[in-house]
């Protein structure tokens, strides 16, 4: 559980080589989207931190944290935290395709949002509910994700192979009802132990690494 206080000031490092955003490989070219509005569902450890990044990304119009990979009936925070529901803590990102691309979302996902080389864990969080996953909604998203992972692995951008799963999206269940407190948790609890030690530094790194994507207001 992340509700316990964690010492602030502990240093974390991703498995990436010391690459600037400018030198981080660009994602493959993608087909022109048919609609101006699109969604993506990603999982990369604590969904508090993932939302703390994507809610400040240019072109993103809405973010929602929740669960994907399991059944609707078990999509509750306390149940998912037991680690046997098949769910991963996830974020649903709604974005304007005239301003950013699916590839842009993936670039931030791999370069700044989490460590894609640690299996079933991120920072203090251990378990399959914290695994790295791209839940694709269509064949274009699937091809883009698989191609980009292959590109990053072939370029040896990370010290270890990427373990991110690429699986079909069967359902995303927003953290609502008693779990509603998890929506925009970072914004409401910036001094909470885990937020201050892990997620705020990740957000700061995103801002510094991708100033062209950073917007102050949250979504």
N, C-alpha and C. Protein backbone atom coordinates (compact mmCIF):
# COMPACT_ATOMS: atom_id res chain seq x y z
N UNK A 1 0.84 -1.19 0.00
CA UNK A 1 0.00 0.00 0.00
C UNK A 1 0.87 1.23 0.00
N UNK A 2 0.45 2.27 -0.75
CA UNK A 2 1.25 3.47 -0.85
C UNK A 2 0.82 4.54 0.14
N UNK A 3 -0.20 4.26 0.95
CA UNK A 3 -0.68 5.28 1.87
C UNK A 3 0.27 5.51 3.03
N UNK A 4 1.21 4.60 3.22
CA UNK A 4 2.19 4.80 4.27
C UNK A 4 3.12 5.93 3.86
N UNK A 5 3.70 6.63 4.87
CA UNK A 5 4.65 7.68 4.57
C UNK A 5 5.96 7.06 4.15
N UNK A 6 6.63 7.71 3.20
CA UNK A 6 7.90 7.25 2.70
C UNK A 6 8.89 8.39 2.83
N UNK A 7 10.11 8.07 3.22
CA UNK A 7 11.11 9.10 3.39
C UNK A 7 11.30 9.88 2.10
N UNK A 8 11.24 11.20 2.22
CA UNK A 8 11.47 12.06 1.09
C UNK A 8 12.97 12.24 0.90
N UNK A 9 13.38 12.37 -0.34
CA UNK A 9 14.80 12.60 -0.60
C UNK A 9 15.50 11.37 -1.12
N UNK A 10 14.81 10.23 -1.17
CA UNK A 10 15.41 9.04 -1.75
C UNK A 10 15.51 9.24 -3.25
N UNK A 11 16.63 8.90 -3.82
CA UNK A 11 16.85 9.09 -5.25
C UNK A 11 16.39 7.86 -6.01
N UNK A 12 15.77 8.11 -7.16
CA UNK A 12 15.32 7.04 -8.03
C UNK A 12 15.96 7.24 -9.39
N UNK A 13 16.25 6.17 -10.10
CA UNK A 13 16.78 6.31 -11.45
C UNK A 13 16.07 5.32 -12.35
N UNK A 14 15.78 5.78 -13.56
CA UNK A 14 15.16 4.91 -14.55
C UNK A 14 16.23 4.07 -15.21
N UNK A 15 15.80 3.06 -15.94
CA UNK A 15 16.75 2.20 -16.61
C UNK A 15 17.28 2.78 -17.91
N UNK A 16 16.88 3.99 -18.24
CA UNK A 16 17.30 4.59 -19.50
C UNK A 16 18.74 5.05 -19.44
N UNK A 17 19.38 5.03 -20.60
CA UNK A 17 20.69 5.64 -20.71
C UNK A 17 20.51 7.15 -20.57
N UNK A 18 21.61 7.86 -20.38
CA UNK A 18 21.53 9.30 -20.17
C UNK A 18 21.27 10.02 -21.48
N UNK A 19 20.04 9.93 -21.97
CA UNK A 19 19.66 10.55 -23.22
C UNK A 19 18.78 11.76 -22.95
N UNK A 20 19.04 12.84 -23.64
CA UNK A 20 18.16 13.99 -23.55
C UNK A 20 16.92 13.71 -24.37
N UNK A 21 15.90 14.54 -24.19
CA UNK A 21 14.68 14.37 -24.97
C UNK A 21 14.97 14.51 -26.46
N UNK A 22 15.91 15.39 -26.79
CA UNK A 22 16.22 15.63 -28.19
C UNK A 22 16.84 14.41 -28.86
N UNK A 23 17.60 13.64 -28.09
CA UNK A 23 18.27 12.48 -28.66
C UNK A 23 17.50 11.18 -28.47
N UNK A 24 16.40 11.23 -27.71
CA UNK A 24 15.58 10.03 -27.52
C UNK A 24 14.91 9.71 -28.85
N UNK A 25 14.96 8.46 -29.30
CA UNK A 25 14.41 8.11 -30.61
C UNK A 25 12.95 8.53 -30.79
N UNK A 26 12.66 9.02 -31.96
CA UNK A 26 11.28 9.39 -32.28
C UNK A 26 10.47 8.13 -32.60
N UNK A 27 9.19 8.15 -32.29
CA UNK A 27 8.34 7.00 -32.63
C UNK A 27 8.15 6.89 -34.12
N UNK A 28 7.74 5.73 -34.61
CA UNK A 28 7.48 5.56 -36.04
C UNK A 28 6.37 6.49 -36.52
N UNK A 29 6.39 6.78 -37.79
CA UNK A 29 5.33 7.59 -38.38
C UNK A 29 4.01 6.82 -38.29
N UNK A 30 2.94 7.54 -38.07
CA UNK A 30 1.65 6.87 -37.94
C UNK A 30 0.66 7.40 -38.97
N UNK A 31 -0.37 6.62 -39.20
CA UNK A 31 -1.41 7.04 -40.14
C UNK A 31 -2.15 8.26 -39.61
N UNK A 32 -2.59 9.11 -40.52
CA UNK A 32 -3.36 10.29 -40.12
C UNK A 32 -4.65 9.84 -39.44
N UNK A 33 -4.93 10.32 -38.22
CA UNK A 33 -6.14 9.88 -37.52
C UNK A 33 -7.40 10.37 -38.21
N UNK A 34 -8.43 9.57 -38.15
CA UNK A 34 -9.70 9.93 -38.79
C UNK A 34 -10.48 10.95 -37.96
N UNK A 35 -10.25 10.95 -36.66
CA UNK A 35 -10.97 11.85 -35.77
C UNK A 35 -9.99 12.77 -35.04
N UNK A 36 -10.48 13.94 -34.65
CA UNK A 36 -9.64 14.89 -33.91
C UNK A 36 -9.50 14.50 -32.44
N UNK A 37 -10.41 13.66 -31.97
CA UNK A 37 -10.39 13.22 -30.58
C UNK A 37 -10.07 11.73 -30.51
N UNK A 38 -9.12 11.37 -29.67
CA UNK A 38 -8.73 9.96 -29.53
C UNK A 38 -8.39 9.68 -28.08
N UNK A 39 -8.29 8.38 -27.75
CA UNK A 39 -7.95 7.98 -26.39
C UNK A 39 -6.83 6.95 -26.41
N UNK A 40 -6.11 6.91 -25.30
CA UNK A 40 -5.06 5.91 -25.10
C UNK A 40 -5.14 5.44 -23.66
N UNK A 41 -4.85 4.17 -23.42
CA UNK A 41 -4.82 3.63 -22.06
C UNK A 41 -3.44 3.03 -21.82
N UNK A 42 -2.76 3.54 -20.81
CA UNK A 42 -1.40 3.13 -20.49
C UNK A 42 -1.31 2.78 -19.02
N UNK A 43 -0.36 1.90 -18.69
CA UNK A 43 -0.10 1.55 -17.30
C UNK A 43 1.40 1.54 -17.07
N UNK A 44 1.81 2.18 -15.99
CA UNK A 44 3.24 2.24 -15.68
C UNK A 44 3.49 2.47 -14.22
N UNK A 45 3.00 1.57 -13.38
CA UNK A 45 3.18 1.73 -11.94
C UNK A 45 2.07 2.57 -11.35
N UNK A 46 2.41 3.37 -10.37
CA UNK A 46 1.44 4.20 -9.65
C UNK A 46 0.67 5.11 -10.58
N UNK A 47 -0.65 4.98 -10.60
CA UNK A 47 -1.43 5.82 -11.51
C UNK A 47 -1.48 7.27 -11.05
N UNK A 48 -1.15 7.53 -9.77
CA UNK A 48 -1.06 8.92 -9.32
C UNK A 48 0.00 9.68 -10.13
N UNK A 49 1.17 9.06 -10.26
CA UNK A 49 2.26 9.70 -10.97
C UNK A 49 2.01 9.80 -12.46
N UNK A 50 1.40 8.77 -13.04
CA UNK A 50 1.09 8.81 -14.48
C UNK A 50 0.15 9.98 -14.78
N UNK A 51 -0.86 10.16 -13.93
CA UNK A 51 -1.78 11.26 -14.15
C UNK A 51 -1.09 12.60 -13.93
N UNK A 52 -0.16 12.64 -12.97
CA UNK A 52 0.57 13.87 -12.70
C UNK A 52 1.40 14.34 -13.88
N UNK A 53 1.71 13.45 -14.78
CA UNK A 53 2.44 13.80 -16.00
C UNK A 53 1.47 14.13 -17.13
N UNK A 54 0.59 13.20 -17.46
CA UNK A 54 -0.24 13.38 -18.65
C UNK A 54 -1.30 14.47 -18.50
N UNK A 55 -1.71 14.80 -17.29
CA UNK A 55 -2.68 15.87 -17.14
C UNK A 55 -2.05 17.24 -17.44
N UNK A 56 -0.72 17.27 -17.54
CA UNK A 56 -0.01 18.51 -17.87
C UNK A 56 0.60 18.47 -19.27
N UNK A 57 0.16 17.56 -20.10
CA UNK A 57 0.73 17.44 -21.43
C UNK A 57 -0.10 18.18 -22.46
N UNK A 58 0.58 18.95 -23.28
CA UNK A 58 -0.07 19.69 -24.36
C UNK A 58 -0.92 18.74 -25.23
N UNK A 59 -2.11 19.18 -25.55
CA UNK A 59 -2.97 18.39 -26.41
C UNK A 59 -3.85 17.40 -25.68
N UNK A 60 -3.53 17.10 -24.43
CA UNK A 60 -4.37 16.21 -23.62
C UNK A 60 -5.55 17.02 -23.10
N UNK A 61 -6.75 16.52 -23.31
CA UNK A 61 -7.95 17.25 -22.90
C UNK A 61 -8.59 16.68 -21.63
N UNK A 62 -8.28 15.42 -21.31
CA UNK A 62 -8.87 14.80 -20.12
C UNK A 62 -8.04 13.60 -19.71
N UNK A 63 -7.92 13.39 -18.40
CA UNK A 63 -7.26 12.18 -17.89
C UNK A 63 -8.12 11.56 -16.80
N UNK A 64 -8.05 10.24 -16.71
CA UNK A 64 -8.79 9.52 -15.67
C UNK A 64 -7.98 8.31 -15.26
N UNK A 65 -7.81 8.11 -13.95
CA UNK A 65 -7.11 6.93 -13.48
C UNK A 65 -8.11 5.83 -13.16
N UNK A 66 -7.64 4.59 -13.32
CA UNK A 66 -8.51 3.46 -13.06
C UNK A 66 -7.78 2.16 -13.27
N UNK A 67 -8.48 1.16 -13.77
CA UNK A 67 -7.93 -0.19 -13.85
C UNK A 67 -8.26 -0.82 -15.20
N UNK A 68 -7.31 -1.57 -15.73
CA UNK A 68 -7.51 -2.30 -16.99
C UNK A 68 -6.79 -3.63 -16.90
N UNK A 69 -7.31 -4.62 -17.62
CA UNK A 69 -6.69 -5.93 -17.64
C UNK A 69 -7.44 -7.00 -16.89
N UNK A 70 -8.47 -6.60 -16.14
CA UNK A 70 -9.25 -7.56 -15.36
C UNK A 70 -10.73 -7.33 -15.54
N UNK A 71 -11.53 -7.94 -14.68
CA UNK A 71 -12.98 -7.83 -14.77
C UNK A 71 -13.50 -6.58 -14.06
N UNK A 72 -14.65 -6.13 -14.49
CA UNK A 72 -15.26 -4.94 -13.89
C UNK A 72 -15.55 -5.14 -12.41
N UNK A 73 -15.97 -6.33 -12.03
CA UNK A 73 -16.38 -6.57 -10.63
C UNK A 73 -15.22 -6.49 -9.65
N UNK A 74 -13.98 -6.65 -10.14
CA UNK A 74 -12.83 -6.57 -9.24
C UNK A 74 -12.06 -5.26 -9.40
N UNK A 75 -12.62 -4.32 -10.15
CA UNK A 75 -11.93 -3.05 -10.42
C UNK A 75 -12.12 -2.06 -9.27
N UNK A 76 -11.62 -2.43 -8.11
CA UNK A 76 -11.64 -1.60 -6.92
C UNK A 76 -10.23 -1.53 -6.35
N UNK A 77 -9.84 -0.37 -5.86
CA UNK A 77 -8.45 -0.17 -5.44
C UNK A 77 -7.99 -1.21 -4.42
N UNK A 78 -8.76 -1.41 -3.38
CA UNK A 78 -8.35 -2.35 -2.33
C UNK A 78 -8.24 -3.77 -2.88
N UNK A 79 -9.13 -4.15 -3.79
CA UNK A 79 -9.10 -5.49 -4.36
C UNK A 79 -7.93 -5.64 -5.31
N UNK A 80 -7.73 -4.66 -6.17
CA UNK A 80 -6.61 -4.69 -7.11
C UNK A 80 -5.28 -4.73 -6.37
N UNK A 81 -5.21 -4.04 -5.23
CA UNK A 81 -3.96 -3.99 -4.47
C UNK A 81 -3.51 -5.34 -3.95
N UNK A 82 -4.42 -6.33 -3.94
CA UNK A 82 -4.04 -7.68 -3.52
C UNK A 82 -3.18 -8.37 -4.57
N UNK A 83 -3.23 -7.87 -5.81
CA UNK A 83 -2.33 -8.34 -6.85
C UNK A 83 -2.75 -9.58 -7.61
N UNK A 84 -4.00 -9.98 -7.49
CA UNK A 84 -4.42 -11.22 -8.18
C UNK A 84 -5.67 -11.04 -9.04
N UNK A 85 -6.00 -9.81 -9.42
CA UNK A 85 -7.20 -9.58 -10.22
C UNK A 85 -6.90 -9.50 -11.72
N UNK A 86 -5.64 -9.41 -12.08
CA UNK A 86 -5.28 -9.24 -13.48
C UNK A 86 -5.22 -7.78 -13.92
N UNK A 87 -5.71 -6.89 -13.07
CA UNK A 87 -5.71 -5.48 -13.40
C UNK A 87 -4.32 -4.86 -13.26
N UNK A 88 -4.12 -3.77 -13.97
CA UNK A 88 -2.97 -2.89 -13.77
C UNK A 88 -3.52 -1.50 -13.50
N UNK A 89 -2.91 -0.80 -12.56
CA UNK A 89 -3.27 0.60 -12.35
C UNK A 89 -2.99 1.33 -13.66
N UNK A 90 -3.98 2.01 -14.20
CA UNK A 90 -3.89 2.55 -15.54
C UNK A 90 -4.40 3.98 -15.61
N UNK A 91 -4.11 4.62 -16.73
CA UNK A 91 -4.63 5.95 -16.98
C UNK A 91 -5.23 5.99 -18.39
N UNK A 92 -6.42 6.57 -18.48
CA UNK A 92 -7.06 6.81 -19.77
C UNK A 92 -6.81 8.25 -20.16
N UNK A 93 -6.24 8.44 -21.33
CA UNK A 93 -5.86 9.76 -21.80
C UNK A 93 -6.70 10.12 -23.02
N UNK A 94 -7.42 11.21 -22.94
CA UNK A 94 -8.15 11.72 -24.09
C UNK A 94 -7.35 12.90 -24.64
N UNK A 95 -7.11 12.90 -25.95
CA UNK A 95 -6.23 13.93 -26.50
C UNK A 95 -6.71 14.42 -27.87
N UNK A 96 -6.21 15.59 -28.24
CA UNK A 96 -6.53 16.24 -29.50
C UNK A 96 -5.47 15.84 -30.53
N UNK A 97 -5.87 15.08 -31.53
CA UNK A 97 -4.90 14.56 -32.50
C UNK A 97 -4.35 15.64 -33.42
N UNK A 98 -4.95 16.83 -33.39
CA UNK A 98 -4.40 17.93 -34.19
C UNK A 98 -3.25 18.62 -33.47
N UNK A 99 -3.05 18.28 -32.19
CA UNK A 99 -2.00 18.92 -31.40
C UNK A 99 -0.88 17.96 -31.01
N UNK A 100 -1.23 16.72 -30.71
CA UNK A 100 -0.23 15.71 -30.40
C UNK A 100 -0.65 14.39 -31.03
N UNK A 101 0.27 13.46 -31.07
CA UNK A 101 0.00 12.17 -31.69
C UNK A 101 0.07 11.06 -30.64
N UNK A 102 -0.39 9.89 -31.04
CA UNK A 102 -0.25 8.71 -30.18
C UNK A 102 1.23 8.43 -29.94
N UNK A 103 2.04 8.66 -30.97
CA UNK A 103 3.48 8.48 -30.81
C UNK A 103 4.07 9.41 -29.77
N UNK A 104 3.57 10.65 -29.69
CA UNK A 104 4.03 11.58 -28.66
C UNK A 104 3.74 11.04 -27.27
N UNK A 105 2.55 10.47 -27.10
CA UNK A 105 2.19 9.89 -25.80
C UNK A 105 3.13 8.76 -25.43
N UNK A 106 3.48 7.93 -26.42
CA UNK A 106 4.37 6.81 -26.16
C UNK A 106 5.80 7.28 -25.87
N UNK A 107 6.23 8.33 -26.55
CA UNK A 107 7.57 8.84 -26.30
C UNK A 107 7.70 9.29 -24.85
N UNK A 108 6.72 10.02 -24.36
CA UNK A 108 6.73 10.46 -22.96
C UNK A 108 6.62 9.25 -22.03
N UNK A 109 5.80 8.28 -22.40
CA UNK A 109 5.63 7.06 -21.60
C UNK A 109 6.97 6.38 -21.37
N UNK A 110 7.76 6.22 -22.43
CA UNK A 110 9.03 5.53 -22.30
C UNK A 110 10.16 6.41 -21.78
N UNK A 111 10.14 7.68 -22.11
CA UNK A 111 11.27 8.55 -21.79
C UNK A 111 11.17 9.23 -20.43
N UNK A 112 9.94 9.40 -19.90
CA UNK A 112 9.81 10.20 -18.69
C UNK A 112 8.81 9.69 -17.67
N UNK A 113 7.81 8.90 -18.08
CA UNK A 113 6.71 8.56 -17.17
C UNK A 113 7.01 7.41 -16.23
N UNK A 114 7.87 6.46 -16.65
CA UNK A 114 8.14 5.31 -15.80
C UNK A 114 9.35 4.57 -16.35
N UNK A 115 9.73 3.48 -15.68
CA UNK A 115 10.83 2.64 -16.14
C UNK A 115 10.24 1.40 -16.81
N UNK A 116 10.35 1.28 -18.14
CA UNK A 116 9.75 0.16 -18.85
C UNK A 116 10.56 -1.13 -18.79
N UNK A 117 11.63 -1.15 -18.00
CA UNK A 117 12.50 -2.33 -17.95
C UNK A 117 12.36 -3.13 -16.66
N UNK A 118 11.54 -2.65 -15.72
CA UNK A 118 11.39 -3.38 -14.45
C UNK A 118 10.09 -4.18 -14.49
N UNK A 119 10.19 -5.47 -14.29
CA UNK A 119 9.05 -6.36 -14.42
C UNK A 119 8.19 -6.34 -13.15
N UNK A 120 6.93 -5.98 -13.33
CA UNK A 120 5.95 -6.00 -12.24
C UNK A 120 6.38 -5.19 -11.03
N UNK A 121 7.01 -4.04 -11.31
CA UNK A 121 7.36 -3.16 -10.19
C UNK A 121 7.73 -1.79 -10.72
N UNK A 122 7.49 -0.79 -9.87
CA UNK A 122 7.96 0.57 -10.08
C UNK A 122 8.27 1.15 -8.71
N UNK A 123 9.53 1.56 -8.51
CA UNK A 123 9.93 2.18 -7.26
C UNK A 123 9.60 1.26 -6.07
N UNK A 124 8.79 1.73 -5.11
CA UNK A 124 8.44 0.92 -3.94
C UNK A 124 7.32 -0.08 -4.22
N UNK A 125 6.66 0.05 -5.34
CA UNK A 125 5.49 -0.76 -5.64
C UNK A 125 5.88 -2.04 -6.35
N UNK A 126 5.45 -3.17 -5.80
CA UNK A 126 5.77 -4.48 -6.38
C UNK A 126 4.49 -5.28 -6.56
N UNK A 127 4.32 -5.88 -7.73
CA UNK A 127 3.15 -6.68 -8.02
C UNK A 127 2.70 -6.48 -9.46
N UNK A 128 1.93 -7.43 -9.96
CA UNK A 128 1.49 -7.34 -11.35
C UNK A 128 0.59 -6.12 -11.60
N UNK A 129 -0.03 -5.58 -10.55
CA UNK A 129 -0.87 -4.40 -10.73
C UNK A 129 -0.06 -3.16 -11.05
N UNK A 130 1.27 -3.27 -10.93
CA UNK A 130 2.16 -2.14 -11.24
C UNK A 130 2.99 -2.41 -12.50
N UNK A 131 2.56 -3.35 -13.31
CA UNK A 131 3.32 -3.70 -14.50
C UNK A 131 3.20 -2.62 -15.57
N UNK A 132 4.12 -2.65 -16.50
CA UNK A 132 4.13 -1.72 -17.62
C UNK A 132 3.31 -2.32 -18.77
N UNK A 133 2.27 -1.59 -19.19
CA UNK A 133 1.38 -2.11 -20.23
C UNK A 133 0.91 -1.00 -21.16
N UNK A 134 0.83 -1.32 -22.43
CA UNK A 134 0.13 -0.49 -23.40
C UNK A 134 -1.11 -1.26 -23.82
N UNK A 135 -2.27 -0.75 -23.49
CA UNK A 135 -3.53 -1.38 -23.86
C UNK A 135 -4.01 -0.74 -25.17
N UNK A 136 -3.86 -1.46 -26.26
CA UNK A 136 -4.20 -0.87 -27.54
C UNK A 136 -5.69 -1.05 -27.87
N UNK A 137 -6.23 -0.01 -28.52
CA UNK A 137 -7.65 -0.01 -28.87
C UNK A 137 -7.89 -0.42 -30.31
N UNK A 138 -6.84 -0.42 -31.14
CA UNK A 138 -6.99 -0.77 -32.54
C UNK A 138 -5.64 -1.25 -33.09
N UNK A 139 -5.65 -1.70 -34.33
CA UNK A 139 -4.44 -2.24 -34.94
C UNK A 139 -3.35 -1.18 -35.11
N UNK A 140 -3.75 0.06 -35.38
CA UNK A 140 -2.76 1.12 -35.54
C UNK A 140 -1.98 1.35 -34.25
N UNK A 141 -2.69 1.37 -33.12
CA UNK A 141 -2.02 1.54 -31.84
C UNK A 141 -1.11 0.34 -31.55
N UNK A 142 -1.57 -0.85 -31.87
CA UNK A 142 -0.78 -2.06 -31.64
C UNK A 142 0.53 -2.01 -32.44
N UNK A 143 0.41 -1.70 -33.73
CA UNK A 143 1.60 -1.66 -34.59
C UNK A 143 2.57 -0.58 -34.14
N UNK A 144 2.04 0.58 -33.77
CA UNK A 144 2.88 1.67 -33.31
C UNK A 144 3.65 1.28 -32.06
N UNK A 145 2.96 0.69 -31.09
CA UNK A 145 3.60 0.31 -29.84
C UNK A 145 4.67 -0.75 -30.06
N UNK A 146 4.34 -1.78 -30.81
CA UNK A 146 5.31 -2.86 -31.05
C UNK A 146 6.52 -2.36 -31.83
N UNK A 147 6.28 -1.52 -32.81
CA UNK A 147 7.39 -0.99 -33.61
C UNK A 147 8.31 -0.10 -32.79
N UNK A 148 7.71 0.70 -31.93
CA UNK A 148 8.52 1.62 -31.11
C UNK A 148 9.35 0.85 -30.08
N UNK A 149 8.75 -0.16 -29.49
CA UNK A 149 9.50 -0.99 -28.53
C UNK A 149 10.68 -1.65 -29.23
N UNK A 150 10.45 -2.18 -30.42
CA UNK A 150 11.54 -2.81 -31.17
C UNK A 150 12.63 -1.80 -31.50
N UNK A 151 12.23 -0.60 -31.87
CA UNK A 151 13.20 0.46 -32.19
C UNK A 151 14.05 0.81 -30.97
N UNK A 152 13.41 0.98 -29.82
CA UNK A 152 14.13 1.34 -28.60
C UNK A 152 15.06 0.22 -28.16
N UNK A 153 14.60 -1.03 -28.26
CA UNK A 153 15.46 -2.16 -27.89
C UNK A 153 16.65 -2.29 -28.84
N UNK A 154 16.41 -2.13 -30.12
CA UNK A 154 17.49 -2.25 -31.11
C UNK A 154 18.52 -1.14 -30.95
N UNK A 155 18.08 0.01 -30.48
CA UNK A 155 18.99 1.14 -30.27
C UNK A 155 19.67 1.08 -28.91
N UNK A 156 19.30 0.10 -28.09
CA UNK A 156 19.87 -0.06 -26.74
C UNK A 156 19.75 1.23 -25.93
N UNK A 157 18.58 1.83 -26.01
CA UNK A 157 18.31 3.05 -25.26
C UNK A 157 18.33 2.77 -23.76
N UNK A 158 17.89 1.59 -23.38
CA UNK A 158 17.86 1.20 -21.98
C UNK A 158 18.92 0.14 -21.71
N UNK A 159 19.37 0.08 -20.47
CA UNK A 159 20.39 -0.89 -20.09
C UNK A 159 19.86 -2.31 -20.12
N UNK A 160 18.56 -2.44 -19.93
CA UNK A 160 17.91 -3.76 -19.94
C UNK A 160 16.78 -3.76 -20.96
N UNK A 161 16.34 -4.94 -21.41
CA UNK A 161 15.25 -5.01 -22.39
C UNK A 161 13.94 -4.44 -21.82
N UNK A 162 13.14 -3.88 -22.69
CA UNK A 162 11.83 -3.38 -22.30
C UNK A 162 10.90 -4.55 -22.03
N UNK A 163 10.17 -4.48 -20.92
CA UNK A 163 9.26 -5.57 -20.55
C UNK A 163 7.80 -5.15 -20.71
N UNK A 164 7.55 -4.00 -21.29
CA UNK A 164 6.20 -3.49 -21.47
C UNK A 164 5.34 -4.45 -22.29
N UNK A 165 4.18 -4.80 -21.77
CA UNK A 165 3.24 -5.64 -22.49
C UNK A 165 2.44 -4.78 -23.47
N UNK A 166 2.10 -5.37 -24.60
CA UNK A 166 1.22 -4.72 -25.58
C UNK A 166 0.03 -5.65 -25.76
N UNK A 167 -1.10 -5.29 -25.19
CA UNK A 167 -2.25 -6.19 -25.15
C UNK A 167 -3.52 -5.42 -25.52
N UNK A 168 -4.54 -6.13 -26.02
CA UNK A 168 -5.78 -5.45 -26.39
C UNK A 168 -6.52 -4.90 -25.18
N UNK A 169 -7.14 -3.75 -25.37
CA UNK A 169 -7.94 -3.15 -24.31
C UNK A 169 -9.31 -3.80 -24.30
N UNK A 170 -9.64 -4.48 -23.21
CA UNK A 170 -10.94 -5.12 -23.08
C UNK A 170 -11.89 -4.32 -22.22
N UNK A 171 -11.34 -3.35 -21.52
CA UNK A 171 -12.17 -2.50 -20.68
C UNK A 171 -11.32 -1.63 -19.78
N UNK A 172 -11.72 -0.40 -19.59
CA UNK A 172 -11.08 0.50 -18.64
C UNK A 172 -12.13 0.92 -17.63
N UNK A 173 -11.81 0.77 -16.36
CA UNK A 173 -12.76 1.06 -15.30
C UNK A 173 -12.21 2.18 -14.43
N UNK A 174 -12.81 3.36 -14.56
CA UNK A 174 -12.33 4.53 -13.83
C UNK A 174 -12.48 4.32 -12.33
N UNK A 175 -11.57 4.91 -11.58
CA UNK A 175 -11.64 4.87 -10.12
C UNK A 175 -12.73 5.83 -9.68
N UNK A 176 -13.92 5.28 -9.48
CA UNK A 176 -15.08 6.08 -9.08
C UNK A 176 -15.60 5.58 -7.74
N UNK A 177 -16.72 6.13 -7.31
CA UNK A 177 -17.31 5.70 -6.05
C UNK A 177 -16.33 5.88 -4.90
N UNK A 178 -16.11 4.83 -4.08
CA UNK A 178 -15.19 4.96 -2.96
C UNK A 178 -13.74 5.18 -3.38
N UNK A 179 -13.45 4.90 -4.65
CA UNK A 179 -12.09 5.10 -5.16
C UNK A 179 -11.89 6.46 -5.80
N UNK A 180 -12.92 7.29 -5.77
CA UNK A 180 -12.85 8.59 -6.45
C UNK A 180 -11.69 9.45 -5.94
N UNK A 181 -11.30 9.24 -4.70
CA UNK A 181 -10.21 10.03 -4.11
C UNK A 181 -8.90 9.89 -4.89
N UNK A 182 -8.78 8.83 -5.69
CA UNK A 182 -7.54 8.62 -6.45
C UNK A 182 -7.46 9.48 -7.70
N UNK A 183 -8.57 10.07 -8.13
CA UNK A 183 -8.53 10.97 -9.27
C UNK A 183 -7.79 12.26 -8.89
N UNK A 184 -6.76 12.60 -9.66
CA UNK A 184 -5.97 13.81 -9.42
C UNK A 184 -5.41 13.84 -7.99
N UNK A 185 -5.00 12.67 -7.53
CA UNK A 185 -4.50 12.54 -6.16
C UNK A 185 -3.28 13.42 -5.93
N UNK A 186 -2.40 13.51 -6.92
CA UNK A 186 -1.20 14.32 -6.78
C UNK A 186 -1.57 15.78 -6.55
N UNK A 187 -2.54 16.29 -7.29
CA UNK A 187 -2.94 17.69 -7.15
C UNK A 187 -3.47 17.98 -5.75
N UNK A 188 -4.22 17.04 -5.21
CA UNK A 188 -4.86 17.25 -3.92
C UNK A 188 -3.95 16.92 -2.73
N UNK A 189 -2.90 16.14 -2.97
CA UNK A 189 -2.05 15.68 -1.86
C UNK A 189 -0.56 15.80 -2.20
N UNK A 190 -0.08 17.00 -2.55
CA UNK A 190 1.31 17.14 -2.99
C UNK A 190 2.35 16.83 -1.92
N UNK A 191 1.96 16.86 -0.66
CA UNK A 191 2.91 16.60 0.42
C UNK A 191 2.83 15.18 0.96
N UNK A 192 1.92 14.36 0.42
CA UNK A 192 1.84 12.96 0.86
C UNK A 192 3.18 12.29 0.58
N UNK A 193 3.58 11.35 1.44
CA UNK A 193 4.92 10.78 1.38
C UNK A 193 5.32 10.23 0.03
N UNK A 194 4.49 9.35 -0.55
CA UNK A 194 4.84 8.74 -1.84
C UNK A 194 4.85 9.77 -2.95
N UNK A 195 3.87 10.66 -2.93
CA UNK A 195 3.79 11.71 -3.95
C UNK A 195 5.05 12.57 -3.92
N UNK A 196 5.45 13.01 -2.74
CA UNK A 196 6.61 13.91 -2.62
C UNK A 196 7.91 13.21 -2.98
N UNK A 197 8.02 11.93 -2.65
CA UNK A 197 9.28 11.20 -2.86
C UNK A 197 9.44 10.67 -4.27
N UNK A 198 8.34 10.30 -4.91
CA UNK A 198 8.41 9.62 -6.20
C UNK A 198 7.76 10.41 -7.33
N UNK A 199 6.50 10.78 -7.15
CA UNK A 199 5.73 11.31 -8.27
C UNK A 199 6.04 12.76 -8.61
N UNK A 200 6.29 13.59 -7.60
CA UNK A 200 6.68 14.98 -7.88
C UNK A 200 8.00 15.04 -8.64
N UNK A 201 9.03 14.27 -8.25
CA UNK A 201 10.26 14.25 -9.04
C UNK A 201 10.05 13.78 -10.48
N UNK A 202 9.18 12.80 -10.70
CA UNK A 202 8.88 12.36 -12.06
C UNK A 202 8.21 13.47 -12.86
N UNK A 203 7.29 14.17 -12.22
CA UNK A 203 6.62 15.28 -12.90
C UNK A 203 7.62 16.38 -13.25
N UNK A 204 8.51 16.68 -12.33
CA UNK A 204 9.53 17.70 -12.57
C UNK A 204 10.45 17.29 -13.72
N UNK A 205 10.81 16.00 -13.77
CA UNK A 205 11.66 15.52 -14.84
C UNK A 205 10.96 15.65 -16.20
N UNK A 206 9.67 15.34 -16.23
CA UNK A 206 8.92 15.49 -17.47
C UNK A 206 8.92 16.95 -17.92
N UNK A 207 8.68 17.87 -17.00
CA UNK A 207 8.65 19.30 -17.32
C UNK A 207 9.98 19.77 -17.88
N UNK A 208 11.08 19.30 -17.28
CA UNK A 208 12.41 19.72 -17.71
C UNK A 208 12.83 19.05 -19.01
N UNK A 209 12.40 17.81 -19.19
CA UNK A 209 12.82 17.03 -20.36
C UNK A 209 12.00 17.37 -21.60
N UNK A 210 10.73 17.72 -21.39
CA UNK A 210 9.84 18.00 -22.53
C UNK A 210 9.12 19.34 -22.34
N UNK A 211 9.85 20.44 -22.30
CA UNK A 211 9.19 21.74 -22.12
C UNK A 211 8.20 22.06 -23.22
N UNK A 212 8.40 21.49 -24.40
CA UNK A 212 7.49 21.74 -25.51
C UNK A 212 6.13 21.07 -25.31
N UNK A 213 6.07 20.09 -24.42
CA UNK A 213 4.81 19.40 -24.13
C UNK A 213 4.15 19.90 -22.85
N UNK A 214 4.89 20.59 -22.00
CA UNK A 214 4.40 20.95 -20.68
C UNK A 214 3.39 22.10 -20.75
N UNK A 215 2.27 21.94 -20.07
CA UNK A 215 1.31 23.02 -19.86
C UNK A 215 1.00 23.06 -18.38
N UNK A 216 0.80 24.25 -17.86
CA UNK A 216 0.63 24.42 -16.41
C UNK A 216 -0.68 23.85 -15.90
N UNK A 217 -1.78 24.13 -16.63
CA UNK A 217 -3.07 23.69 -16.15
C UNK A 217 -3.21 22.17 -16.25
N UNK A 218 -3.93 21.60 -15.34
CA UNK A 218 -4.11 20.14 -15.33
C UNK A 218 -5.48 19.80 -15.90
N UNK A 219 -5.56 18.55 -16.44
CA UNK A 219 -6.80 18.07 -17.02
C UNK A 219 -7.20 16.72 -16.41
